[in-house]
N, C-alpha and C. Protein backbone atom coordinates (compact mmCIF):
# COMPACT_ATOMS: atom_id res chain seq x y z
N MET A 1 -88.51 -3.37 -46.50
CA MET A 1 -87.71 -4.45 -46.04
C MET A 1 -87.23 -4.15 -44.64
N SER A 2 -87.20 -5.11 -43.90
CA SER A 2 -86.80 -4.91 -42.51
C SER A 2 -85.29 -5.19 -42.37
N THR A 3 -84.74 -4.50 -41.37
CA THR A 3 -83.30 -4.70 -41.13
C THR A 3 -83.10 -6.06 -40.51
N PRO A 4 -82.05 -6.67 -40.95
CA PRO A 4 -81.83 -8.00 -40.39
C PRO A 4 -81.52 -7.89 -38.90
N ARG A 5 -82.01 -8.78 -38.24
CA ARG A 5 -81.80 -8.79 -36.79
C ARG A 5 -80.49 -9.51 -36.46
N THR A 6 -79.83 -8.96 -35.47
CA THR A 6 -78.58 -9.59 -35.01
C THR A 6 -78.98 -10.71 -34.07
N PRO A 7 -78.46 -11.87 -34.35
CA PRO A 7 -78.81 -12.97 -33.46
C PRO A 7 -78.33 -12.69 -32.03
N ILE A 8 -79.00 -13.23 -31.10
CA ILE A 8 -78.65 -13.04 -29.69
C ILE A 8 -77.27 -13.67 -29.46
N GLY A 9 -76.42 -12.89 -28.79
CA GLY A 9 -75.06 -13.36 -28.49
C GLY A 9 -74.07 -13.01 -29.59
N ALA A 10 -74.56 -12.51 -30.73
CA ALA A 10 -73.65 -12.13 -31.81
C ALA A 10 -73.14 -10.71 -31.54
N PRO A 11 -71.93 -10.37 -31.97
CA PRO A 11 -71.38 -9.03 -31.69
C PRO A 11 -72.13 -7.95 -32.45
N ASN A 12 -72.24 -6.78 -31.83
CA ASN A 12 -72.88 -5.63 -32.45
C ASN A 12 -71.77 -4.84 -33.12
N TYR A 13 -71.66 -4.99 -34.44
CA TYR A 13 -70.54 -4.41 -35.19
C TYR A 13 -70.62 -2.90 -35.24
N GLU A 14 -71.79 -2.36 -35.28
CA GLU A 14 -71.91 -0.91 -35.33
C GLU A 14 -71.40 -0.29 -34.03
N TYR A 15 -71.77 -0.89 -32.95
CA TYR A 15 -71.32 -0.38 -31.65
C TYR A 15 -69.80 -0.49 -31.52
N LEU A 16 -69.24 -1.62 -31.93
CA LEU A 16 -67.79 -1.82 -31.86
C LEU A 16 -67.07 -0.83 -32.76
N LEU A 17 -67.65 -0.55 -33.93
CA LEU A 17 -67.04 0.40 -34.85
C LEU A 17 -67.04 1.80 -34.25
N GLU A 18 -68.12 2.18 -33.58
CA GLU A 18 -68.18 3.48 -32.92
C GLU A 18 -67.12 3.57 -31.83
N GLN A 19 -66.94 2.49 -31.06
CA GLN A 19 -65.93 2.46 -29.99
C GLN A 19 -64.51 2.61 -30.57
N LEU A 20 -64.28 1.94 -31.68
CA LEU A 20 -62.96 2.03 -32.32
C LEU A 20 -62.68 3.45 -32.82
N VAL A 21 -63.67 4.09 -33.39
CA VAL A 21 -63.50 5.45 -33.90
C VAL A 21 -63.22 6.40 -32.73
N GLU A 22 -63.96 6.25 -31.65
CA GLU A 22 -63.73 7.11 -30.48
C GLU A 22 -62.32 6.89 -29.90
N ALA A 23 -61.91 5.64 -29.82
CA ALA A 23 -60.57 5.34 -29.30
C ALA A 23 -59.50 5.96 -30.19
N ARG A 24 -59.71 5.87 -31.50
CA ARG A 24 -58.73 6.46 -32.43
C ARG A 24 -58.69 7.97 -32.27
N ILE A 25 -59.83 8.61 -32.09
CA ILE A 25 -59.86 10.07 -31.89
C ILE A 25 -59.09 10.43 -30.62
N GLN A 26 -59.31 9.66 -29.54
CA GLN A 26 -58.60 9.93 -28.29
C GLN A 26 -57.09 9.73 -28.45
N ILE A 27 -56.72 8.70 -29.15
CA ILE A 27 -55.29 8.44 -29.39
C ILE A 27 -54.67 9.57 -30.18
N LEU A 28 -55.37 10.04 -31.22
CA LEU A 28 -54.85 11.15 -32.03
C LEU A 28 -54.75 12.43 -31.20
N ALA A 29 -55.70 12.66 -30.32
CA ALA A 29 -55.65 13.85 -29.47
C ALA A 29 -54.46 13.75 -28.51
N GLN A 30 -54.26 12.57 -27.90
CA GLN A 30 -53.12 12.39 -27.00
C GLN A 30 -51.80 12.52 -27.75
N HIS A 31 -51.77 12.00 -28.97
CA HIS A 31 -50.57 12.12 -29.79
C HIS A 31 -50.26 13.59 -30.08
N ALA A 32 -51.30 14.36 -30.37
CA ALA A 32 -51.11 15.79 -30.63
C ALA A 32 -50.58 16.50 -29.39
N GLN A 33 -51.14 16.11 -28.22
CA GLN A 33 -50.66 16.72 -26.97
C GLN A 33 -49.19 16.37 -26.71
N LEU A 34 -48.83 15.10 -26.92
CA LEU A 34 -47.44 14.67 -26.74
C LEU A 34 -46.51 15.40 -27.70
N GLU A 35 -46.95 15.56 -28.91
CA GLU A 35 -46.14 16.28 -29.91
C GLU A 35 -45.94 17.73 -29.49
N ALA A 36 -46.97 18.35 -28.96
CA ALA A 36 -46.86 19.73 -28.50
C ALA A 36 -45.89 19.81 -27.31
N LEU A 37 -46.01 18.84 -26.39
CA LEU A 37 -45.09 18.80 -25.26
C LEU A 37 -43.64 18.59 -25.72
N ARG A 38 -43.45 17.72 -26.71
CA ARG A 38 -42.11 17.47 -27.22
C ARG A 38 -41.53 18.73 -27.85
N GLU A 39 -42.33 19.41 -28.62
CA GLU A 39 -41.86 20.64 -29.25
C GLU A 39 -41.54 21.69 -28.19
N ASP A 40 -42.40 21.78 -27.16
CA ASP A 40 -42.16 22.73 -26.09
C ASP A 40 -40.88 22.37 -25.32
N SER A 41 -40.69 21.08 -25.05
CA SER A 41 -39.48 20.62 -24.36
C SER A 41 -38.25 20.91 -25.20
N GLN A 42 -38.34 20.66 -26.50
CA GLN A 42 -37.20 20.92 -27.38
C GLN A 42 -36.86 22.41 -27.38
N GLN A 43 -37.90 23.24 -27.35
CA GLN A 43 -37.65 24.69 -27.31
C GLN A 43 -36.97 25.08 -25.99
N GLN A 44 -37.40 24.45 -24.89
CA GLN A 44 -36.78 24.74 -23.60
C GLN A 44 -35.32 24.27 -23.58
N VAL A 45 -35.05 23.09 -24.13
CA VAL A 45 -33.67 22.59 -24.20
C VAL A 45 -32.83 23.52 -25.05
N ASP A 46 -33.37 23.94 -26.20
CA ASP A 46 -32.63 24.86 -27.07
C ASP A 46 -32.35 26.17 -26.34
N GLN A 47 -33.34 26.66 -25.60
CA GLN A 47 -33.16 27.92 -24.87
C GLN A 47 -32.08 27.76 -23.79
N LEU A 48 -32.13 26.63 -23.05
CA LEU A 48 -31.10 26.37 -22.04
C LEU A 48 -29.73 26.28 -22.67
N TRP A 49 -29.62 25.61 -23.80
CA TRP A 49 -28.33 25.50 -24.49
C TRP A 49 -27.82 26.88 -24.89
N ASN A 50 -28.71 27.70 -25.45
CA ASN A 50 -28.30 29.04 -25.86
C ASN A 50 -27.88 29.89 -24.65
N ASP A 51 -28.61 29.73 -23.54
CA ASP A 51 -28.27 30.49 -22.34
C ASP A 51 -26.93 30.04 -21.74
N ASN A 52 -26.64 28.74 -21.81
CA ASN A 52 -25.45 28.19 -21.17
C ASN A 52 -24.24 28.08 -22.10
N TYR A 53 -24.40 28.33 -23.37
CA TYR A 53 -23.31 28.19 -24.32
C TYR A 53 -22.11 29.08 -23.96
N PRO A 54 -22.33 30.34 -23.59
CA PRO A 54 -21.16 31.16 -23.20
C PRO A 54 -20.42 30.58 -21.99
N LEU A 55 -21.16 30.04 -21.02
CA LEU A 55 -20.52 29.42 -19.88
C LEU A 55 -19.70 28.19 -20.30
N HIS A 56 -20.25 27.43 -21.21
CA HIS A 56 -19.56 26.25 -21.72
C HIS A 56 -18.24 26.65 -22.41
N GLN A 57 -18.30 27.70 -23.23
CA GLN A 57 -17.10 28.18 -23.92
C GLN A 57 -16.05 28.68 -22.91
N THR A 58 -16.49 29.39 -21.87
CA THR A 58 -15.57 29.88 -20.85
C THR A 58 -14.91 28.72 -20.12
N MET A 59 -15.68 27.69 -19.81
CA MET A 59 -15.14 26.52 -19.14
C MET A 59 -14.09 25.84 -20.02
N LEU A 60 -14.35 25.69 -21.30
CA LEU A 60 -13.38 25.07 -22.20
C LEU A 60 -12.09 25.88 -22.27
N GLN A 61 -12.21 27.20 -22.29
CA GLN A 61 -11.02 28.06 -22.32
C GLN A 61 -10.22 27.91 -21.02
N MET A 62 -10.92 27.82 -19.89
CA MET A 62 -10.24 27.68 -18.61
C MET A 62 -9.51 26.33 -18.54
N GLN A 63 -10.13 25.28 -19.05
CA GLN A 63 -9.49 23.97 -19.07
C GLN A 63 -8.22 24.00 -19.93
N ALA A 64 -8.29 24.66 -21.08
CA ALA A 64 -7.12 24.77 -21.95
C ALA A 64 -6.01 25.55 -21.26
N THR A 65 -6.36 26.63 -20.56
CA THR A 65 -5.37 27.43 -19.85
C THR A 65 -4.72 26.61 -18.73
N LEU A 66 -5.53 25.88 -18.00
CA LEU A 66 -5.01 25.04 -16.92
C LEU A 66 -4.07 23.98 -17.47
N THR A 67 -4.43 23.37 -18.58
CA THR A 67 -3.56 22.37 -19.20
C THR A 67 -2.23 22.98 -19.60
N ASN A 68 -2.27 24.18 -20.17
CA ASN A 68 -1.03 24.87 -20.56
C ASN A 68 -0.17 25.16 -19.34
N PHE A 69 -0.78 25.67 -18.26
CA PHE A 69 -0.02 25.97 -17.05
C PHE A 69 0.62 24.70 -16.47
N THR A 70 -0.15 23.62 -16.46
CA THR A 70 0.36 22.36 -15.92
C THR A 70 1.54 21.86 -16.75
N THR A 71 1.43 21.93 -18.05
CA THR A 71 2.51 21.48 -18.93
C THR A 71 3.76 22.33 -18.72
N GLN A 72 3.58 23.64 -18.62
CA GLN A 72 4.71 24.53 -18.40
C GLN A 72 5.36 24.26 -17.04
N ALA A 73 4.54 24.07 -16.01
CA ALA A 73 5.07 23.83 -14.67
C ALA A 73 5.86 22.52 -14.62
N GLN A 74 5.36 21.50 -15.29
CA GLN A 74 6.06 20.21 -15.30
C GLN A 74 7.38 20.32 -16.05
N ALA A 75 7.40 21.12 -17.12
CA ALA A 75 8.63 21.28 -17.90
C ALA A 75 9.68 22.06 -17.11
N GLN A 76 9.25 22.97 -16.26
CA GLN A 76 10.18 23.82 -15.51
C GLN A 76 10.62 23.20 -14.19
N ALA A 77 9.81 22.34 -13.62
CA ALA A 77 10.10 21.77 -12.30
C ALA A 77 11.18 20.70 -12.41
N PRO A 78 12.14 20.70 -11.47
CA PRO A 78 13.15 19.63 -11.49
C PRO A 78 12.51 18.31 -11.06
N ALA A 79 13.12 17.23 -11.47
CA ALA A 79 12.60 15.91 -11.09
C ALA A 79 12.69 15.75 -9.58
N PRO A 80 11.65 15.22 -8.95
CA PRO A 80 11.68 15.06 -7.49
C PRO A 80 12.75 14.04 -7.08
N ILE A 81 13.39 14.30 -5.97
CA ILE A 81 14.39 13.39 -5.43
C ILE A 81 13.68 12.45 -4.47
N PRO A 82 13.75 11.15 -4.75
CA PRO A 82 13.07 10.22 -3.84
C PRO A 82 13.77 10.21 -2.48
N PRO A 83 13.00 10.04 -1.42
CA PRO A 83 13.63 10.00 -0.08
C PRO A 83 14.48 8.74 0.05
N PRO A 84 15.45 8.77 0.96
CA PRO A 84 16.24 7.55 1.17
C PRO A 84 15.33 6.39 1.53
N ARG A 85 15.71 5.22 1.12
CA ARG A 85 14.86 4.05 1.28
C ARG A 85 14.48 3.79 2.73
N PHE A 86 15.44 3.99 3.64
CA PHE A 86 15.13 3.66 5.04
C PHE A 86 14.21 4.69 5.68
N LEU A 87 13.99 5.86 5.03
CA LEU A 87 13.08 6.86 5.58
C LEU A 87 11.67 6.73 5.01
N ASN A 88 11.50 5.94 3.97
CA ASN A 88 10.21 5.80 3.32
C ASN A 88 9.55 4.51 3.78
N PRO A 89 8.61 4.59 4.75
CA PRO A 89 8.04 3.36 5.31
C PRO A 89 7.24 2.55 4.32
N THR A 90 6.79 3.14 3.21
CA THR A 90 5.99 2.37 2.24
C THR A 90 6.87 1.58 1.30
N SER A 91 8.19 1.83 1.27
CA SER A 91 9.03 1.16 0.29
C SER A 91 9.67 -0.12 0.82
N ARG A 92 9.51 -0.43 2.06
CA ARG A 92 10.17 -1.62 2.57
C ARG A 92 9.15 -2.70 2.90
N ALA A 93 9.65 -3.91 2.88
CA ALA A 93 8.80 -5.06 3.18
C ALA A 93 8.56 -5.11 4.69
N PRO A 94 7.51 -5.78 5.11
CA PRO A 94 7.26 -5.91 6.55
C PRO A 94 8.44 -6.59 7.24
N GLU A 95 8.71 -6.14 8.45
CA GLU A 95 9.83 -6.69 9.20
C GLU A 95 9.44 -8.03 9.82
N PRO A 96 10.42 -8.92 9.90
CA PRO A 96 10.13 -10.17 10.62
C PRO A 96 10.07 -9.90 12.11
N ILE A 97 9.32 -10.72 12.79
CA ILE A 97 9.24 -10.59 14.25
C ILE A 97 10.39 -11.39 14.84
N ILE A 98 11.22 -10.70 15.62
CA ILE A 98 12.40 -11.34 16.20
C ILE A 98 12.27 -11.25 17.72
N GLY A 99 12.44 -12.37 18.37
CA GLY A 99 12.33 -12.41 19.83
C GLY A 99 13.51 -11.73 20.50
N LEU A 100 13.40 -11.55 21.80
CA LEU A 100 14.49 -10.95 22.57
C LEU A 100 15.70 -11.88 22.56
N LEU A 101 16.87 -11.28 22.44
CA LEU A 101 18.10 -12.07 22.40
C LEU A 101 18.57 -12.38 23.82
N ASP A 102 19.23 -13.53 23.93
CA ASP A 102 19.86 -13.87 25.20
C ASP A 102 21.09 -12.99 25.37
N LYS A 103 21.38 -12.64 26.61
CA LYS A 103 22.58 -11.84 26.88
C LYS A 103 23.80 -12.77 26.85
N PHE A 104 24.95 -12.16 26.55
CA PHE A 104 26.19 -12.93 26.46
C PHE A 104 27.07 -12.57 27.65
N ASN A 105 27.46 -13.62 28.40
CA ASN A 105 28.23 -13.39 29.63
C ASN A 105 29.72 -13.62 29.47
N GLY A 106 30.18 -13.92 28.26
CA GLY A 106 31.61 -14.13 28.04
C GLY A 106 32.00 -15.59 27.91
N ASN A 107 31.05 -16.51 28.07
CA ASN A 107 31.32 -17.94 27.94
C ASN A 107 31.65 -18.23 26.47
N CYS A 108 32.89 -18.68 26.21
CA CYS A 108 33.33 -18.87 24.83
C CYS A 108 32.53 -19.93 24.10
N ARG A 109 31.95 -20.88 24.80
CA ARG A 109 31.12 -21.91 24.14
C ARG A 109 29.81 -21.32 23.63
N LEU A 110 29.36 -20.20 24.20
CA LEU A 110 28.08 -19.59 23.80
C LEU A 110 28.26 -18.45 22.78
N TYR A 111 29.52 -18.06 22.52
CA TYR A 111 29.78 -16.89 21.67
C TYR A 111 29.19 -17.06 20.26
N ARG A 112 29.45 -18.18 19.64
CA ARG A 112 29.01 -18.37 18.25
C ARG A 112 27.49 -18.24 18.11
N GLY A 113 26.74 -18.86 18.99
CA GLY A 113 25.27 -18.74 18.94
C GLY A 113 24.82 -17.30 19.17
N PHE A 114 25.47 -16.65 20.15
CA PHE A 114 25.12 -15.25 20.45
C PHE A 114 25.35 -14.35 19.24
N ILE A 115 26.53 -14.42 18.64
CA ILE A 115 26.86 -13.50 17.54
C ILE A 115 26.01 -13.80 16.31
N ASN A 116 25.66 -15.06 16.09
CA ASN A 116 24.78 -15.39 14.96
C ASN A 116 23.37 -14.84 15.18
N GLN A 117 22.89 -14.86 16.40
CA GLN A 117 21.58 -14.25 16.69
C GLN A 117 21.62 -12.75 16.43
N VAL A 118 22.70 -12.11 16.85
CA VAL A 118 22.84 -10.67 16.62
C VAL A 118 22.86 -10.36 15.12
N LYS A 119 23.58 -11.16 14.35
CA LYS A 119 23.64 -10.95 12.89
C LYS A 119 22.25 -11.13 12.26
N LEU A 120 21.46 -12.06 12.78
CA LEU A 120 20.09 -12.23 12.27
C LEU A 120 19.24 -10.99 12.54
N VAL A 121 19.43 -10.37 13.69
CA VAL A 121 18.70 -9.14 14.00
C VAL A 121 19.08 -8.06 12.99
N PHE A 122 20.38 -7.93 12.70
CA PHE A 122 20.83 -6.91 11.74
C PHE A 122 20.26 -7.18 10.35
N ARG A 123 20.16 -8.44 9.97
CA ARG A 123 19.58 -8.79 8.66
C ARG A 123 18.08 -8.54 8.62
N GLY A 124 17.42 -8.85 9.72
CA GLY A 124 15.95 -8.69 9.77
C GLY A 124 15.51 -7.25 9.93
N HIS A 125 16.36 -6.40 10.49
CA HIS A 125 16.02 -5.00 10.74
C HIS A 125 17.15 -4.07 10.27
N PRO A 126 17.49 -4.09 8.99
CA PRO A 126 18.63 -3.30 8.52
C PRO A 126 18.44 -1.80 8.69
N HIS A 127 17.20 -1.33 8.63
CA HIS A 127 16.97 0.11 8.78
C HIS A 127 17.10 0.57 10.24
N ARG A 128 16.95 -0.35 11.20
CA ARG A 128 17.11 0.00 12.60
C ARG A 128 18.58 0.09 13.01
N TYR A 129 19.41 -0.67 12.31
CA TYR A 129 20.84 -0.71 12.62
C TYR A 129 21.64 -0.41 11.35
N PRO A 130 21.48 0.81 10.81
CA PRO A 130 22.14 1.10 9.53
C PRO A 130 23.62 1.45 9.66
N THR A 131 24.06 1.82 10.87
CA THR A 131 25.45 2.25 11.04
C THR A 131 26.21 1.27 11.91
N ASP A 132 27.53 1.36 11.83
CA ASP A 132 28.39 0.52 12.68
C ASP A 132 28.13 0.82 14.15
N GLN A 133 27.96 2.10 14.49
CA GLN A 133 27.72 2.48 15.88
C GLN A 133 26.43 1.87 16.41
N ALA A 134 25.39 1.86 15.59
CA ALA A 134 24.11 1.28 16.03
C ALA A 134 24.26 -0.21 16.30
N LYS A 135 25.00 -0.91 15.45
CA LYS A 135 25.20 -2.35 15.63
C LYS A 135 26.00 -2.62 16.91
N ILE A 136 27.08 -1.86 17.11
CA ILE A 136 27.92 -2.05 18.29
C ILE A 136 27.15 -1.70 19.56
N THR A 137 26.30 -0.69 19.49
CA THR A 137 25.47 -0.31 20.65
C THR A 137 24.56 -1.46 21.06
N LEU A 138 23.92 -2.12 20.08
CA LEU A 138 23.06 -3.25 20.42
C LEU A 138 23.87 -4.35 21.08
N ILE A 139 25.02 -4.68 20.51
CA ILE A 139 25.84 -5.74 21.10
C ILE A 139 26.23 -5.36 22.54
N GLY A 140 26.61 -4.10 22.73
CA GLY A 140 27.00 -3.65 24.08
C GLY A 140 25.88 -3.81 25.09
N THR A 141 24.64 -3.59 24.68
CA THR A 141 23.52 -3.72 25.63
C THR A 141 23.22 -5.18 25.97
N LEU A 142 23.75 -6.10 25.18
CA LEU A 142 23.48 -7.52 25.42
C LEU A 142 24.61 -8.22 26.17
N LEU A 143 25.60 -7.48 26.63
CA LEU A 143 26.73 -8.08 27.33
C LEU A 143 26.51 -8.04 28.84
N THR A 144 26.93 -9.13 29.51
CA THR A 144 26.89 -9.22 30.98
C THR A 144 28.19 -9.89 31.42
N GLY A 145 28.37 -9.98 32.70
CA GLY A 145 29.50 -10.73 33.26
C GLY A 145 30.84 -10.25 32.71
N SER A 146 31.73 -11.22 32.41
CA SER A 146 33.08 -10.89 31.95
C SER A 146 33.06 -10.16 30.62
N ALA A 147 32.07 -10.40 29.78
CA ALA A 147 31.97 -9.69 28.50
C ALA A 147 31.70 -8.21 28.74
N LEU A 148 30.85 -7.88 29.69
CA LEU A 148 30.57 -6.49 30.01
C LEU A 148 31.78 -5.82 30.67
N ILE A 149 32.48 -6.59 31.50
CA ILE A 149 33.69 -6.06 32.13
C ILE A 149 34.71 -5.69 31.05
N TRP A 150 34.84 -6.51 30.02
CA TRP A 150 35.75 -6.22 28.90
C TRP A 150 35.29 -4.99 28.11
N PHE A 151 33.96 -4.83 27.92
CA PHE A 151 33.39 -3.77 27.08
C PHE A 151 33.43 -2.40 27.77
N ASN A 152 33.26 -2.35 29.09
CA ASN A 152 33.16 -1.07 29.81
C ASN A 152 34.30 -0.10 29.51
N PRO A 153 35.57 -0.50 29.57
CA PRO A 153 36.64 0.47 29.29
C PRO A 153 36.58 1.03 27.86
N LEU A 154 36.15 0.21 26.90
CA LEU A 154 36.02 0.70 25.52
C LEU A 154 35.02 1.86 25.47
N LEU A 155 33.92 1.67 26.17
CA LEU A 155 32.87 2.69 26.18
C LEU A 155 33.31 3.93 26.96
N GLU A 156 33.91 3.70 28.10
CA GLU A 156 34.31 4.83 28.96
C GLU A 156 35.41 5.67 28.32
N ASP A 157 36.31 5.03 27.55
CA ASP A 157 37.40 5.76 26.90
C ASP A 157 37.04 6.22 25.49
N ASN A 158 35.77 5.97 25.08
CA ASN A 158 35.32 6.31 23.73
C ASN A 158 36.31 5.78 22.69
N ASP A 159 36.63 4.52 22.83
CA ASP A 159 37.60 3.85 21.97
C ASP A 159 37.14 3.88 20.51
N PRO A 160 38.05 4.18 19.57
CA PRO A 160 37.69 4.20 18.14
C PRO A 160 37.18 2.86 17.64
N LEU A 161 37.46 1.80 18.37
CA LEU A 161 36.96 0.48 17.99
C LEU A 161 35.42 0.46 17.98
N LEU A 162 34.80 1.36 18.74
CA LEU A 162 33.33 1.42 18.80
C LEU A 162 32.72 2.06 17.56
N ASP A 163 33.55 2.55 16.65
CA ASP A 163 33.05 3.18 15.42
C ASP A 163 33.18 2.28 14.19
N ASP A 164 33.79 1.11 14.36
CA ASP A 164 34.02 0.23 13.20
C ASP A 164 33.53 -1.18 13.56
N TYR A 165 32.39 -1.55 12.99
CA TYR A 165 31.76 -2.84 13.33
C TYR A 165 32.66 -4.02 12.99
N THR A 166 33.30 -3.98 11.82
CA THR A 166 34.13 -5.11 11.40
C THR A 166 35.31 -5.30 12.36
N ASP A 167 36.00 -4.21 12.69
CA ASP A 167 37.13 -4.31 13.62
C ASP A 167 36.65 -4.74 15.01
N PHE A 168 35.53 -4.20 15.43
CA PHE A 168 34.98 -4.55 16.75
C PHE A 168 34.67 -6.05 16.81
N LEU A 169 34.01 -6.56 15.75
CA LEU A 169 33.64 -7.97 15.72
C LEU A 169 34.89 -8.85 15.72
N THR A 170 35.91 -8.43 15.00
CA THR A 170 37.17 -9.19 14.99
C THR A 170 37.76 -9.25 16.39
N LYS A 171 37.76 -8.14 17.09
CA LYS A 171 38.33 -8.08 18.44
C LYS A 171 37.50 -8.93 19.41
N VAL A 172 36.17 -8.83 19.33
CA VAL A 172 35.30 -9.63 20.21
C VAL A 172 35.53 -11.10 19.95
N GLU A 173 35.66 -11.49 18.70
CA GLU A 173 35.88 -12.90 18.37
C GLU A 173 37.23 -13.38 18.91
N THR A 174 38.22 -12.52 18.81
CA THR A 174 39.54 -12.88 19.33
C THR A 174 39.47 -13.13 20.84
N VAL A 175 38.70 -12.30 21.54
CA VAL A 175 38.64 -12.40 23.00
C VAL A 175 37.71 -13.52 23.46
N PHE A 176 36.55 -13.69 22.81
CA PHE A 176 35.52 -14.56 23.37
C PHE A 176 35.19 -15.82 22.59
N SER A 177 35.67 -15.98 21.36
CA SER A 177 35.27 -17.18 20.62
C SER A 177 36.01 -18.39 21.16
N ASP A 178 35.47 -19.53 20.86
CA ASP A 178 36.05 -20.79 21.32
C ASP A 178 37.39 -20.99 20.61
N PRO A 179 38.47 -21.14 21.36
CA PRO A 179 39.79 -21.26 20.73
C PRO A 179 39.96 -22.55 19.94
N ASP A 180 39.21 -23.57 20.29
CA ASP A 180 39.34 -24.83 19.56
C ASP A 180 37.93 -25.34 19.22
N LYS A 181 37.33 -24.73 18.21
CA LYS A 181 35.95 -25.07 17.83
C LYS A 181 35.85 -26.55 17.45
N TYR A 182 36.85 -27.07 16.77
CA TYR A 182 36.81 -28.46 16.32
C TYR A 182 36.74 -29.42 17.51
N ALA A 183 37.59 -29.20 18.50
CA ALA A 183 37.60 -30.09 19.68
C ALA A 183 36.30 -29.97 20.45
N THR A 184 35.78 -28.78 20.56
CA THR A 184 34.52 -28.58 21.28
C THR A 184 33.39 -29.32 20.56
N THR A 185 33.38 -29.25 19.25
CA THR A 185 32.33 -29.94 18.47
C THR A 185 32.44 -31.45 18.64
N ILE A 186 33.65 -31.99 18.60
CA ILE A 186 33.85 -33.44 18.78
C ILE A 186 33.38 -33.86 20.17
N ASN A 187 33.71 -33.06 21.18
CA ASN A 187 33.29 -33.39 22.56
C ASN A 187 31.77 -33.38 22.68
N ARG A 188 31.14 -32.40 22.06
CA ARG A 188 29.66 -32.34 22.13
C ARG A 188 29.04 -33.53 21.44
N LEU A 189 29.57 -33.92 20.29
CA LEU A 189 29.03 -35.07 19.58
C LEU A 189 29.22 -36.35 20.42
N ALA A 190 30.35 -36.47 21.06
CA ALA A 190 30.60 -37.64 21.90
C ALA A 190 29.61 -37.67 23.06
N THR A 191 29.37 -36.53 23.64
CA THR A 191 28.42 -36.44 24.75
C THR A 191 27.02 -36.83 24.30
N LEU A 192 26.66 -36.39 23.10
CA LEU A 192 25.32 -36.74 22.58
C LEU A 192 25.21 -38.24 22.34
N LYS A 193 26.27 -38.85 21.81
CA LYS A 193 26.24 -40.31 21.54
C LYS A 193 26.15 -41.09 22.84
N GLN A 194 26.85 -40.65 23.87
CA GLN A 194 26.82 -41.35 25.14
C GLN A 194 25.46 -41.23 25.81
N GLY A 195 24.78 -40.14 25.55
CA GLY A 195 23.47 -39.93 26.17
C GLY A 195 22.41 -40.83 25.58
N ASN A 196 22.60 -41.35 24.36
CA ASN A 196 21.59 -42.19 23.71
C ASN A 196 21.60 -43.57 24.19
């Protein structure tokens, strides 16, 4: 009996089966190689672990010792004293920008505006003018004319009034403020109405 012939264009099953067997053999060989590499790698990792284990233990002991020292140091150290607020630049809000003040020449009609501007500077920059002397010094530098003539003897005689802002302000107001604020206000309002 003759072997049946494979029709033209039909697959050759014997050839395909041989190819599959060869591919499987190659896959099994590669799998064996990978398994050997994995075992070798695992042995190397185990060896590295065994070699480094004493170092790991020493490091853990050092960390525990450091933690103990830190805890003891914190328990023994006194609480830190925070610096005064005006010396710590990170604790304050940004300062407002304040323009240069007009000088005061002793005109009683201008006193109220002048002193209010000065008070705004003290509010906007409290750390720059923390003492009575600092506040009075700023006011003194802004005086001209009759106001400066009045201030000079206080400075030259080192008058105690220069050490107390409240008393100084009371004295300045007595000398330079408008004696009749009400009448001055009425006159200004009348002037404004006439100008319209």
